[in-house]
């Protein structure tokens, strides 16, 4: 966390030195700060920050891609004059264990159009998800486990 805050501080210093406050310049300053911190770290020391930031960016890119695809699927259903949808509730066994992991997974699913996290079992081993169109429950379950859940575990552990 200290390295992240240092990186943000370096980005703000970059913006102050260049005299241009914009999102792109702040992002550029963040990147320059990241490279500077990476270059200044001690040999043999590999803080989680340098591993997690690229993972977080990869996770963000994955989620944005999924968000766009889900929006397109929902738009296709809405525009179709006679949509043939198969809504349903699917029980997804969880490999995530902590409250933070379960909450992040459930929120990512809910924020994706066409899906809604309904409940977590009392033993926290199953997440119930409603899907607007689920022609194949096993494929839906597999896509959540191999997509969102796997990436949440990689990011938070």
N, C-alpha and C. Protein backbone atom coordinates (compact mmCIF):
# COMPACT_ATOMS: atom_id res chain seq x y z
N UNK A 1 0.83 -1.19 0.00
CA UNK A 1 0.00 0.00 0.00
C UNK A 1 0.88 1.26 0.00
N UNK A 2 1.99 1.18 0.70
CA UNK A 2 2.91 2.32 0.75
C UNK A 2 3.45 2.62 -0.65
N UNK A 3 3.79 1.57 -1.39
CA UNK A 3 4.31 1.79 -2.74
C UNK A 3 3.23 2.38 -3.66
N UNK A 4 2.00 1.95 -3.50
CA UNK A 4 0.91 2.50 -4.30
C UNK A 4 0.74 3.99 -4.01
N UNK A 5 0.73 4.35 -2.73
CA UNK A 5 0.60 5.76 -2.37
C UNK A 5 1.80 6.57 -2.87
N UNK A 6 3.00 5.98 -2.81
CA UNK A 6 4.18 6.63 -3.36
C UNK A 6 4.06 6.84 -4.86
N UNK A 7 3.48 5.86 -5.54
CA UNK A 7 3.28 5.97 -6.97
C UNK A 7 2.29 7.08 -7.30
N UNK A 8 1.22 7.18 -6.52
CA UNK A 8 0.24 8.26 -6.72
C UNK A 8 0.90 9.61 -6.47
N UNK A 9 1.72 9.69 -5.42
CA UNK A 9 2.43 10.94 -5.13
C UNK A 9 3.37 11.31 -6.28
N UNK A 10 4.08 10.34 -6.82
CA UNK A 10 4.96 10.61 -7.97
C UNK A 10 4.15 11.08 -9.18
N UNK A 11 2.97 10.52 -9.37
CA UNK A 11 2.12 10.96 -10.48
C UNK A 11 1.68 12.41 -10.29
N UNK A 12 1.35 12.78 -9.05
CA UNK A 12 0.96 14.17 -8.78
C UNK A 12 2.15 15.12 -8.95
N UNK A 13 3.33 14.67 -8.56
CA UNK A 13 4.54 15.48 -8.78
C UNK A 13 4.77 15.66 -10.28
N UNK A 14 4.57 14.60 -11.04
CA UNK A 14 4.72 14.67 -12.49
C UNK A 14 3.77 15.73 -13.08
N UNK A 15 2.52 15.69 -12.63
CA UNK A 15 1.53 16.65 -13.12
C UNK A 15 1.94 18.08 -12.75
N UNK A 16 2.44 18.25 -11.52
CA UNK A 16 2.87 19.59 -11.09
C UNK A 16 4.06 20.07 -11.91
N UNK A 17 5.00 19.19 -12.19
CA UNK A 17 6.19 19.58 -12.96
C UNK A 17 5.87 19.90 -14.41
N UNK A 18 4.94 19.16 -14.99
CA UNK A 18 4.59 19.41 -16.40
C UNK A 18 3.62 20.57 -16.54
N UNK A 19 2.88 20.88 -15.46
CA UNK A 19 1.96 22.02 -15.50
C UNK A 19 0.67 21.75 -16.24
N UNK A 20 0.40 20.51 -16.57
CA UNK A 20 -0.85 20.16 -17.27
C UNK A 20 -1.60 19.11 -16.46
N UNK A 21 -2.75 19.48 -15.93
CA UNK A 21 -3.55 18.52 -15.19
C UNK A 21 -4.63 17.96 -16.11
N UNK A 22 -4.42 16.72 -16.52
CA UNK A 22 -5.41 16.02 -17.34
C UNK A 22 -5.33 14.54 -16.97
N UNK A 23 -6.35 13.82 -17.31
CA UNK A 23 -6.37 12.38 -17.00
C UNK A 23 -5.23 11.65 -17.67
N UNK A 24 -4.97 11.98 -18.92
CA UNK A 24 -3.89 11.33 -19.66
C UNK A 24 -2.53 11.63 -19.07
N UNK A 25 -2.31 12.88 -18.68
CA UNK A 25 -1.03 13.26 -18.09
C UNK A 25 -0.86 12.62 -16.72
N UNK A 26 -1.94 12.52 -15.96
CA UNK A 26 -1.87 11.86 -14.65
C UNK A 26 -1.56 10.37 -14.83
N UNK A 27 -2.18 9.76 -15.81
CA UNK A 27 -1.90 8.34 -16.10
C UNK A 27 -0.46 8.15 -16.56
N UNK A 28 0.02 9.06 -17.38
CA UNK A 28 1.42 9.00 -17.81
C UNK A 28 2.36 9.15 -16.61
N UNK A 29 2.04 10.06 -15.72
CA UNK A 29 2.84 10.25 -14.51
C UNK A 29 2.81 9.02 -13.62
N UNK A 30 1.67 8.34 -13.57
CA UNK A 30 1.56 7.11 -12.79
C UNK A 30 2.47 6.04 -13.39
N UNK A 31 2.48 5.94 -14.71
CA UNK A 31 3.35 4.98 -15.39
C UNK A 31 4.82 5.29 -15.18
N UNK A 32 5.18 6.55 -15.28
CA UNK A 32 6.58 6.95 -15.06
C UNK A 32 6.97 6.66 -13.61
N UNK A 33 6.07 6.96 -12.68
CA UNK A 33 6.33 6.67 -11.27
C UNK A 33 6.50 5.19 -11.01
N UNK A 34 5.68 4.37 -11.66
CA UNK A 34 5.78 2.92 -11.51
C UNK A 34 7.14 2.43 -11.98
N UNK A 35 7.57 2.91 -13.14
CA UNK A 35 8.88 2.50 -13.67
C UNK A 35 10.00 2.98 -12.75
N UNK A 36 9.88 4.19 -12.22
CA UNK A 36 10.90 4.71 -11.31
C UNK A 36 10.97 3.87 -10.04
N UNK A 37 9.83 3.54 -9.47
CA UNK A 37 9.82 2.70 -8.26
C UNK A 37 10.37 1.31 -8.56
N UNK A 38 10.04 0.79 -9.71
CA UNK A 38 10.55 -0.52 -10.11
C UNK A 38 12.07 -0.50 -10.24
N UNK A 39 12.59 0.57 -10.81
CA UNK A 39 14.04 0.70 -10.99
C UNK A 39 14.76 0.90 -9.66
N UNK A 40 14.09 1.50 -8.69
CA UNK A 40 14.73 1.81 -7.41
C UNK A 40 14.60 0.71 -6.36
N UNK A 41 13.86 -0.32 -6.66
CA UNK A 41 13.70 -1.37 -5.64
C UNK A 41 15.01 -2.12 -5.45
N UNK A 42 15.13 -2.68 -4.27
CA UNK A 42 16.37 -3.41 -3.95
C UNK A 42 16.41 -4.72 -4.70
N UNK A 43 17.61 -5.15 -5.01
CA UNK A 43 17.79 -6.43 -5.71
C UNK A 43 17.28 -7.57 -4.85
N UNK A 44 16.56 -8.50 -5.49
CA UNK A 44 16.03 -9.65 -4.78
C UNK A 44 14.71 -9.37 -4.09
N UNK A 45 14.36 -8.10 -3.96
CA UNK A 45 13.11 -7.74 -3.32
C UNK A 45 12.04 -7.65 -4.41
N UNK A 46 10.97 -8.36 -4.21
CA UNK A 46 9.88 -8.33 -5.19
C UNK A 46 8.57 -8.08 -4.47
N UNK A 47 8.28 -6.84 -4.12
CA UNK A 47 7.03 -6.56 -3.42
C UNK A 47 5.82 -6.96 -4.26
N UNK A 48 4.76 -7.29 -3.57
CA UNK A 48 3.53 -7.67 -4.26
C UNK A 48 3.03 -6.58 -5.20
N UNK A 49 3.33 -5.33 -4.87
CA UNK A 49 2.83 -4.21 -5.67
C UNK A 49 3.23 -4.34 -7.13
N UNK A 50 4.47 -4.71 -7.39
CA UNK A 50 4.95 -4.80 -8.76
C UNK A 50 4.34 -5.98 -9.51
N UNK A 51 3.88 -6.98 -8.77
CA UNK A 51 3.20 -8.11 -9.39
C UNK A 51 1.70 -7.84 -9.53
N UNK A 52 1.12 -7.19 -8.53
CA UNK A 52 -0.32 -7.00 -8.50
C UNK A 52 -0.83 -5.90 -9.43
N UNK A 53 -0.05 -4.85 -9.64
CA UNK A 53 -0.52 -3.78 -10.51
C UNK A 53 -0.74 -4.27 -11.94
N UNK A 54 0.20 -4.99 -12.55
CA UNK A 54 -0.08 -5.52 -13.89
C UNK A 54 -1.28 -6.50 -13.88
N UNK A 55 -1.41 -7.28 -12.81
CA UNK A 55 -2.56 -8.18 -12.69
C UNK A 55 -3.86 -7.39 -12.62
N UNK A 56 -3.85 -6.31 -11.84
CA UNK A 56 -5.04 -5.48 -11.71
C UNK A 56 -5.42 -4.85 -13.05
N UNK A 57 -4.43 -4.40 -13.80
CA UNK A 57 -4.71 -3.83 -15.12
C UNK A 57 -5.25 -4.88 -16.08
N UNK A 58 -4.70 -6.09 -16.01
CA UNK A 58 -5.19 -7.19 -16.83
C UNK A 58 -6.63 -7.54 -16.45
N UNK A 59 -6.89 -7.55 -15.15
CA UNK A 59 -8.23 -7.83 -14.65
C UNK A 59 -9.22 -6.77 -15.14
N UNK A 60 -8.80 -5.51 -15.09
CA UNK A 60 -9.65 -4.43 -15.55
C UNK A 60 -9.96 -4.57 -17.04
N UNK A 61 -8.95 -4.91 -17.84
CA UNK A 61 -9.16 -5.10 -19.27
C UNK A 61 -10.11 -6.27 -19.52
N UNK A 62 -9.94 -7.37 -18.78
CA UNK A 62 -10.84 -8.51 -18.91
C UNK A 62 -12.27 -8.10 -18.58
N UNK A 63 -12.45 -7.38 -17.47
CA UNK A 63 -13.81 -7.02 -17.05
C UNK A 63 -14.45 -6.06 -18.05
N UNK A 64 -13.70 -5.11 -18.57
CA UNK A 64 -14.26 -4.19 -19.56
C UNK A 64 -14.69 -4.93 -20.82
N UNK A 65 -13.90 -5.91 -21.22
CA UNK A 65 -14.26 -6.73 -22.38
C UNK A 65 -15.56 -7.49 -22.12
N UNK A 66 -15.65 -8.11 -20.94
CA UNK A 66 -16.87 -8.85 -20.57
C UNK A 66 -18.07 -7.92 -20.48
N UNK A 67 -17.85 -6.71 -19.99
CA UNK A 67 -18.92 -5.73 -19.87
C UNK A 67 -19.47 -5.34 -21.24
N UNK A 68 -18.59 -5.11 -22.18
CA UNK A 68 -19.01 -4.75 -23.54
C UNK A 68 -19.77 -5.92 -24.18
N UNK A 69 -19.23 -7.14 -24.04
CA UNK A 69 -19.90 -8.30 -24.63
C UNK A 69 -21.29 -8.52 -24.01
N UNK A 70 -21.40 -8.36 -22.70
CA UNK A 70 -22.68 -8.54 -22.03
C UNK A 70 -23.69 -7.48 -22.48
N UNK A 71 -23.22 -6.25 -22.65
CA UNK A 71 -24.11 -5.20 -23.15
C UNK A 71 -24.60 -5.51 -24.55
N UNK A 72 -23.73 -6.04 -25.38
CA UNK A 72 -24.14 -6.41 -26.74
C UNK A 72 -25.16 -7.54 -26.72
N UNK A 73 -24.96 -8.54 -25.83
CA UNK A 73 -25.93 -9.64 -25.73
C UNK A 73 -27.29 -9.14 -25.27
N UNK A 74 -27.31 -8.26 -24.28
CA UNK A 74 -28.57 -7.71 -23.79
C UNK A 74 -29.23 -6.86 -24.87
N UNK A 75 -28.47 -6.05 -25.57
CA UNK A 75 -29.03 -5.24 -26.65
C UNK A 75 -29.62 -6.11 -27.74
N UNK A 76 -28.96 -7.22 -28.05
CA UNK A 76 -29.49 -8.13 -29.05
C UNK A 76 -30.83 -8.71 -28.63
N UNK A 77 -30.97 -9.06 -27.37
CA UNK A 77 -32.23 -9.60 -26.86
C UNK A 77 -33.31 -8.53 -26.89
N UNK A 78 -32.98 -7.32 -26.50
CA UNK A 78 -33.96 -6.23 -26.44
C UNK A 78 -34.43 -5.84 -27.84
N UNK A 79 -33.52 -5.82 -28.79
CA UNK A 79 -33.86 -5.39 -30.15
C UNK A 79 -34.64 -6.46 -30.90
N UNK A 80 -34.39 -7.70 -30.61
CA UNK A 80 -35.05 -8.80 -31.34
C UNK A 80 -36.56 -8.73 -31.12
N UNK A 81 -37.36 -8.85 -32.20
CA UNK A 81 -38.81 -8.72 -32.07
C UNK A 81 -39.44 -9.84 -31.20
N UNK A 82 -38.93 -11.03 -31.31
CA UNK A 82 -39.44 -12.16 -30.52
C UNK A 82 -38.26 -12.90 -29.90
N UNK A 83 -37.73 -12.36 -28.84
CA UNK A 83 -36.55 -13.01 -28.26
C UNK A 83 -36.89 -14.36 -27.64
N UNK A 84 -36.00 -15.30 -27.82
CA UNK A 84 -36.15 -16.62 -27.19
C UNK A 84 -35.08 -16.71 -26.11
N UNK A 85 -35.47 -16.31 -24.95
CA UNK A 85 -34.51 -16.33 -23.85
C UNK A 85 -34.88 -17.43 -22.87
N UNK A 86 -33.89 -17.93 -22.20
CA UNK A 86 -34.07 -18.96 -21.19
C UNK A 86 -33.50 -18.45 -19.87
N UNK A 87 -34.28 -17.66 -19.13
CA UNK A 87 -33.77 -17.16 -17.85
C UNK A 87 -33.69 -18.29 -16.84
N UNK A 88 -32.84 -18.11 -15.85
CA UNK A 88 -32.72 -19.14 -14.83
C UNK A 88 -31.80 -18.73 -13.70
N UNK A 89 -31.86 -19.54 -12.65
CA UNK A 89 -30.99 -19.36 -11.50
C UNK A 89 -30.03 -20.53 -11.48
N UNK A 90 -28.74 -20.21 -11.34
CA UNK A 90 -27.69 -21.23 -11.36
C UNK A 90 -26.94 -21.17 -10.03
N UNK A 91 -26.74 -22.34 -9.44
CA UNK A 91 -25.92 -22.44 -8.23
C UNK A 91 -24.47 -22.65 -8.67
N UNK A 92 -23.60 -21.76 -8.23
CA UNK A 92 -22.19 -21.84 -8.61
C UNK A 92 -21.37 -22.16 -7.36
N UNK A 93 -20.74 -23.34 -7.32
CA UNK A 93 -19.88 -23.66 -6.18
C UNK A 93 -18.68 -22.72 -6.14
N UNK A 94 -18.36 -22.24 -4.96
CA UNK A 94 -17.31 -21.22 -4.82
C UNK A 94 -15.98 -21.79 -4.37
N UNK A 95 -14.92 -21.31 -5.01
CA UNK A 95 -13.56 -21.56 -4.55
C UNK A 95 -13.05 -20.37 -3.75
N UNK A 96 -13.67 -19.19 -3.96
CA UNK A 96 -13.30 -18.03 -3.16
C UNK A 96 -13.81 -18.25 -1.74
N UNK A 97 -13.07 -17.73 -0.74
CA UNK A 97 -13.44 -18.01 0.64
C UNK A 97 -13.64 -16.75 1.48
N UNK A 98 -12.80 -15.74 1.29
CA UNK A 98 -12.88 -14.57 2.17
C UNK A 98 -14.09 -13.72 1.80
N UNK A 99 -14.50 -12.88 2.74
CA UNK A 99 -15.62 -11.98 2.48
C UNK A 99 -15.32 -11.04 1.33
N UNK A 100 -14.08 -10.55 1.26
CA UNK A 100 -13.70 -9.63 0.18
C UNK A 100 -13.80 -10.31 -1.18
N UNK A 101 -13.33 -11.55 -1.27
CA UNK A 101 -13.37 -12.28 -2.54
C UNK A 101 -14.81 -12.56 -2.96
N UNK A 102 -15.64 -13.00 -2.02
CA UNK A 102 -17.04 -13.31 -2.33
C UNK A 102 -17.77 -12.03 -2.74
N UNK A 103 -17.53 -10.94 -2.01
CA UNK A 103 -18.20 -9.68 -2.31
C UNK A 103 -17.78 -9.15 -3.68
N UNK A 104 -16.49 -9.19 -3.98
CA UNK A 104 -16.02 -8.71 -5.29
C UNK A 104 -16.62 -9.55 -6.41
N UNK A 105 -16.60 -10.86 -6.26
CA UNK A 105 -17.17 -11.73 -7.29
C UNK A 105 -18.65 -11.46 -7.49
N UNK A 106 -19.40 -11.39 -6.40
CA UNK A 106 -20.85 -11.14 -6.50
C UNK A 106 -21.14 -9.78 -7.13
N UNK A 107 -20.37 -8.77 -6.77
CA UNK A 107 -20.59 -7.44 -7.35
C UNK A 107 -20.23 -7.38 -8.82
N UNK A 108 -19.15 -8.05 -9.21
CA UNK A 108 -18.78 -8.07 -10.63
C UNK A 108 -19.86 -8.74 -11.46
N UNK A 109 -20.42 -9.82 -10.94
CA UNK A 109 -21.50 -10.51 -11.65
C UNK A 109 -22.72 -9.61 -11.75
N UNK A 110 -23.07 -8.95 -10.65
CA UNK A 110 -24.25 -8.09 -10.65
C UNK A 110 -24.07 -6.88 -11.56
N UNK A 111 -22.87 -6.34 -11.63
CA UNK A 111 -22.63 -5.17 -12.48
C UNK A 111 -22.58 -5.52 -13.96
N UNK A 112 -22.51 -6.79 -14.29
CA UNK A 112 -22.50 -7.22 -15.68
C UNK A 112 -23.95 -7.36 -16.14
N UNK A 113 -24.35 -6.64 -17.18
CA UNK A 113 -25.73 -6.69 -17.63
C UNK A 113 -26.19 -8.12 -17.97
N UNK A 114 -27.40 -8.43 -17.57
CA UNK A 114 -27.98 -9.74 -17.85
C UNK A 114 -27.79 -10.75 -16.74
N UNK A 115 -27.04 -10.40 -15.70
CA UNK A 115 -26.83 -11.31 -14.59
C UNK A 115 -27.03 -10.57 -13.27
N UNK A 116 -27.39 -11.33 -12.25
CA UNK A 116 -27.62 -10.75 -10.93
C UNK A 116 -27.29 -11.78 -9.87
N UNK A 117 -26.40 -11.42 -8.96
CA UNK A 117 -26.10 -12.30 -7.82
C UNK A 117 -27.26 -12.20 -6.85
N UNK A 118 -27.82 -13.36 -6.50
CA UNK A 118 -28.99 -13.37 -5.64
C UNK A 118 -28.66 -13.60 -4.17
N UNK A 119 -27.83 -14.61 -3.92
CA UNK A 119 -27.58 -15.00 -2.53
C UNK A 119 -26.33 -15.86 -2.46
N UNK A 120 -25.79 -15.93 -1.26
CA UNK A 120 -24.69 -16.83 -0.95
C UNK A 120 -25.21 -17.79 0.10
N UNK A 121 -24.92 -19.06 -0.06
CA UNK A 121 -25.39 -20.04 0.91
C UNK A 121 -24.83 -19.73 2.29
N UNK A 122 -25.48 -20.23 3.34
CA UNK A 122 -25.06 -19.92 4.71
C UNK A 122 -23.66 -20.46 5.01
N UNK A 123 -23.24 -21.52 4.33
CA UNK A 123 -21.89 -22.04 4.54
C UNK A 123 -20.86 -21.36 3.63
N UNK A 124 -21.31 -20.39 2.82
CA UNK A 124 -20.47 -19.60 1.92
C UNK A 124 -19.75 -20.44 0.87
N UNK A 125 -20.37 -21.52 0.46
CA UNK A 125 -19.76 -22.38 -0.55
C UNK A 125 -20.47 -22.33 -1.89
N UNK A 126 -21.62 -21.67 -1.95
CA UNK A 126 -22.40 -21.61 -3.19
C UNK A 126 -22.94 -20.20 -3.38
N UNK A 127 -22.80 -19.69 -4.61
CA UNK A 127 -23.36 -18.40 -4.99
C UNK A 127 -24.49 -18.67 -5.97
N UNK A 128 -25.64 -18.07 -5.72
CA UNK A 128 -26.79 -18.23 -6.60
C UNK A 128 -26.87 -17.01 -7.51
N UNK A 129 -26.89 -17.26 -8.82
CA UNK A 129 -26.87 -16.19 -9.81
C UNK A 129 -28.05 -16.35 -10.75
N UNK A 130 -28.76 -15.26 -11.00
CA UNK A 130 -29.83 -15.24 -11.99
C UNK A 130 -29.24 -14.73 -13.29
N UNK A 131 -29.54 -15.44 -14.36
CA UNK A 131 -29.09 -15.02 -15.68
C UNK A 131 -30.28 -14.78 -16.58
N UNK A 132 -30.20 -13.76 -17.39
CA UNK A 132 -31.30 -13.41 -18.28
C UNK A 132 -31.48 -14.46 -19.38
N UNK A 133 -30.38 -15.02 -19.84
CA UNK A 133 -30.45 -16.04 -20.90
C UNK A 133 -29.37 -17.08 -20.64
N UNK A 134 -29.80 -18.26 -20.20
CA UNK A 134 -28.86 -19.34 -19.88
C UNK A 134 -29.29 -20.61 -20.62
N UNK A 135 -28.87 -20.75 -21.87
CA UNK A 135 -29.24 -21.96 -22.61
C UNK A 135 -28.54 -23.21 -22.07
N UNK A 136 -27.33 -23.04 -21.52
CA UNK A 136 -26.57 -24.17 -20.99
C UNK A 136 -26.04 -23.80 -19.61
N UNK A 137 -26.63 -24.40 -18.58
CA UNK A 137 -26.25 -24.05 -17.20
C UNK A 137 -24.79 -24.40 -16.89
N UNK A 138 -24.32 -25.53 -17.40
CA UNK A 138 -22.93 -25.92 -17.14
C UNK A 138 -21.95 -24.95 -17.78
N UNK A 139 -22.25 -24.52 -18.99
CA UNK A 139 -21.38 -23.54 -19.67
C UNK A 139 -21.38 -22.22 -18.93
N UNK A 140 -22.55 -21.80 -18.43
CA UNK A 140 -22.63 -20.57 -17.65
C UNK A 140 -21.80 -20.69 -16.37
N UNK A 141 -21.95 -21.79 -15.68
CA UNK A 141 -21.19 -22.04 -14.45
C UNK A 141 -19.69 -22.04 -14.73
N UNK A 142 -19.30 -22.70 -15.79
CA UNK A 142 -17.89 -22.78 -16.17
C UNK A 142 -17.34 -21.39 -16.55
N UNK A 143 -18.15 -20.59 -17.24
CA UNK A 143 -17.67 -19.26 -17.64
C UNK A 143 -17.46 -18.36 -16.42
N UNK A 144 -18.31 -18.48 -15.40
CA UNK A 144 -18.12 -17.68 -14.18
C UNK A 144 -16.89 -18.17 -13.43
N UNK A 145 -16.73 -19.48 -13.30
CA UNK A 145 -15.61 -20.02 -12.54
C UNK A 145 -14.27 -19.78 -13.24
N UNK A 146 -14.22 -19.99 -14.55
CA UNK A 146 -12.97 -19.81 -15.29
C UNK A 146 -12.67 -18.35 -15.61
N UNK A 147 -13.70 -17.52 -15.58
CA UNK A 147 -13.51 -16.11 -15.89
C UNK A 147 -13.36 -15.27 -14.64
N UNK A 148 -14.50 -14.87 -14.08
CA UNK A 148 -14.48 -13.95 -12.95
C UNK A 148 -13.83 -14.54 -11.71
N UNK A 149 -14.24 -15.74 -11.31
CA UNK A 149 -13.75 -16.29 -10.05
C UNK A 149 -12.24 -16.54 -10.08
N UNK A 150 -11.76 -17.11 -11.14
CA UNK A 150 -10.31 -17.40 -11.24
C UNK A 150 -9.50 -16.10 -11.16
N UNK A 151 -9.96 -15.07 -11.83
CA UNK A 151 -9.24 -13.81 -11.82
C UNK A 151 -9.33 -13.09 -10.48
N UNK A 152 -10.47 -13.22 -9.80
CA UNK A 152 -10.60 -12.63 -8.46
C UNK A 152 -9.61 -13.30 -7.50
N UNK A 153 -9.50 -14.61 -7.59
CA UNK A 153 -8.56 -15.35 -6.73
C UNK A 153 -7.13 -14.92 -7.02
N UNK A 154 -6.76 -14.81 -8.30
CA UNK A 154 -5.41 -14.39 -8.66
C UNK A 154 -5.11 -12.98 -8.17
N UNK A 155 -6.10 -12.11 -8.22
CA UNK A 155 -5.88 -10.73 -7.84
C UNK A 155 -5.79 -10.54 -6.33
N UNK A 156 -6.62 -11.24 -5.58
CA UNK A 156 -6.71 -10.98 -4.14
C UNK A 156 -5.86 -11.92 -3.27
N UNK A 157 -5.27 -12.93 -3.85
CA UNK A 157 -4.43 -13.83 -3.03
C UNK A 157 -2.98 -13.61 -3.29
